[in-house]
């Protein structure tokens, strides 16, 4: 239901389930809380960033509507840049790079711009 916060465990199980018939639709629905979970070291999903990247790739976000794909692309770019300039140990830049590379299929930071 829009506007209702997802339980952290339900959020994790939602992006982890491989059998959704329309994974892209599911990911678009949970993308705001998923993006928050990716950057919050206290979240249940934080330790699964590599798997989240794979899940995004399987959701084929590059084929979403231009506005949605641009939002994901900009998030990946900002998240990667932030992890490189932040001194907090919880950022784990190598894990962030893995998430971004898995999600985009690119090692370059432009993610298809």
Protein backbone atom coordinates (compact mmCIF):
# COMPACT_ATOMS: atom_id res chain seq x y z
CA UNK A 1 0.00 0.00 0.00
CA UNK A 2 1.50 3.39 -0.95
CA UNK A 3 2.72 5.45 1.97
CA UNK A 4 3.01 2.48 4.33
CA UNK A 5 6.53 1.69 5.47
CA UNK A 6 7.70 -1.84 4.70
CA UNK A 7 8.96 -3.97 7.53
CA UNK A 8 12.75 -4.38 7.00
CA UNK A 9 12.44 -8.17 6.79
CA UNK A 10 9.64 -7.94 4.23
CA UNK A 11 11.66 -5.45 2.20
CA UNK A 12 14.63 -7.84 2.14
CA UNK A 13 12.50 -10.85 1.23
CA UNK A 14 10.77 -8.85 -1.52
CA UNK A 15 13.92 -7.92 -3.41
CA UNK A 16 15.48 -11.35 -2.78
CA UNK A 17 12.70 -13.48 -4.28
CA UNK A 18 13.90 -14.63 -7.71
CA UNK A 19 10.57 -15.80 -9.11
CA UNK A 20 8.61 -12.57 -9.59
CA UNK A 21 7.02 -12.60 -13.04
CA UNK A 22 7.65 -8.84 -13.36
CA UNK A 23 10.68 -8.14 -11.18
CA UNK A 24 10.93 -4.60 -12.58
CA UNK A 25 7.45 -3.71 -11.34
CA UNK A 26 8.23 -5.10 -7.89
CA UNK A 27 11.51 -3.19 -7.69
CA UNK A 28 9.91 0.07 -8.85
CA UNK A 29 7.38 -0.33 -6.05
CA UNK A 30 10.01 -0.84 -3.33
CA UNK A 31 12.76 1.34 -4.78
CA UNK A 32 12.49 4.27 -2.33
CA UNK A 33 12.80 2.14 0.81
CA UNK A 34 15.37 -0.10 -0.90
CA UNK A 35 17.56 2.90 -1.73
CA UNK A 36 17.33 4.02 1.89
CA UNK A 37 18.26 0.52 3.10
CA UNK A 38 21.28 0.38 0.79
CA UNK A 39 22.81 3.47 2.37
CA UNK A 40 21.82 2.78 5.99
CA UNK A 41 24.42 0.60 7.68
CA UNK A 42 21.84 -0.31 10.34
CA UNK A 43 19.35 -1.75 7.83
CA UNK A 44 18.75 -5.45 7.39
CA UNK A 45 19.49 -5.18 3.66
CA UNK A 46 22.78 -3.25 4.01
CA UNK A 47 24.95 -6.35 4.09
CA UNK A 48 23.41 -7.68 0.89
CA UNK A 49 24.46 -4.86 -1.42
CA UNK A 50 26.02 -7.18 -3.99
CA UNK A 51 22.78 -9.19 -4.15
CA UNK A 52 20.75 -5.99 -4.42
CA UNK A 53 22.85 -5.03 -7.43
CA UNK A 54 22.08 -8.39 -9.05
CA UNK A 55 18.39 -7.98 -8.26
CA UNK A 56 18.37 -4.54 -9.92
CA UNK A 57 20.09 -6.00 -12.97
CA UNK A 58 17.46 -8.74 -13.20
CA UNK A 59 14.80 -6.02 -12.95
CA UNK A 60 16.26 -4.53 -16.15
CA UNK A 61 16.06 -0.99 -14.78
CA UNK A 62 17.78 0.42 -17.89
CA UNK A 63 14.60 -0.47 -19.83
CA UNK A 64 12.24 1.30 -17.44
CA UNK A 65 10.61 4.60 -18.37
CA UNK A 66 13.30 7.23 -18.95
CA UNK A 67 12.48 9.15 -15.77
CA UNK A 68 12.72 5.99 -13.65
CA UNK A 69 15.90 4.71 -15.30
CA UNK A 70 17.50 8.14 -14.90
CA UNK A 71 16.65 8.11 -11.20
CA UNK A 72 18.35 4.72 -10.72
CA UNK A 73 21.36 5.80 -12.79
CA UNK A 74 21.75 9.03 -10.79
CA UNK A 75 21.40 7.14 -7.52
CA UNK A 76 24.13 4.67 -8.50
CA UNK A 77 26.41 7.50 -9.56
CA UNK A 78 25.82 9.51 -6.36
CA UNK A 79 26.09 6.45 -4.12
CA UNK A 80 29.40 5.45 -5.68
CA UNK A 81 30.80 8.98 -5.47
CA UNK A 82 29.67 9.37 -1.86
CA UNK A 83 31.30 6.10 -0.83
CA UNK A 84 34.62 7.26 -2.25
CA UNK A 85 34.71 10.57 -0.39
CA UNK A 86 33.20 9.49 2.93
CA UNK A 87 35.58 8.45 5.65
CA UNK A 88 32.97 6.49 7.62
CA UNK A 89 34.05 2.83 7.79
CA UNK A 90 30.47 1.67 7.20
CA UNK A 91 30.51 2.87 3.58
CA UNK A 92 32.71 -0.01 2.33
CA UNK A 93 33.54 1.50 -1.09
CA UNK A 94 34.44 -1.92 -2.51
CA UNK A 95 30.94 -3.26 -1.71
CA UNK A 96 29.40 -0.13 -3.19
CA UNK A 97 31.42 -0.66 -6.37
CA UNK A 98 30.17 -4.26 -6.53
CA UNK A 99 26.54 -3.13 -6.15
CA UNK A 100 26.93 -0.49 -8.86
CA UNK A 101 28.77 -2.83 -11.24
CA UNK A 102 26.26 -5.65 -10.71
CA UNK A 103 23.27 -3.32 -11.16
CA UNK A 104 24.60 -1.58 -14.25
CA UNK A 105 26.84 -4.16 -15.87
CA UNK A 106 29.48 -1.41 -16.03
CA UNK A 107 32.65 -0.70 -14.11
CA UNK A 108 32.67 2.85 -15.43
CA UNK A 109 31.03 5.41 -13.17
CA UNK A 110 28.88 6.92 -15.95
CA UNK A 111 26.45 3.92 -16.03
CA UNK A 112 25.47 4.47 -19.64
CA UNK A 113 25.20 8.26 -19.76
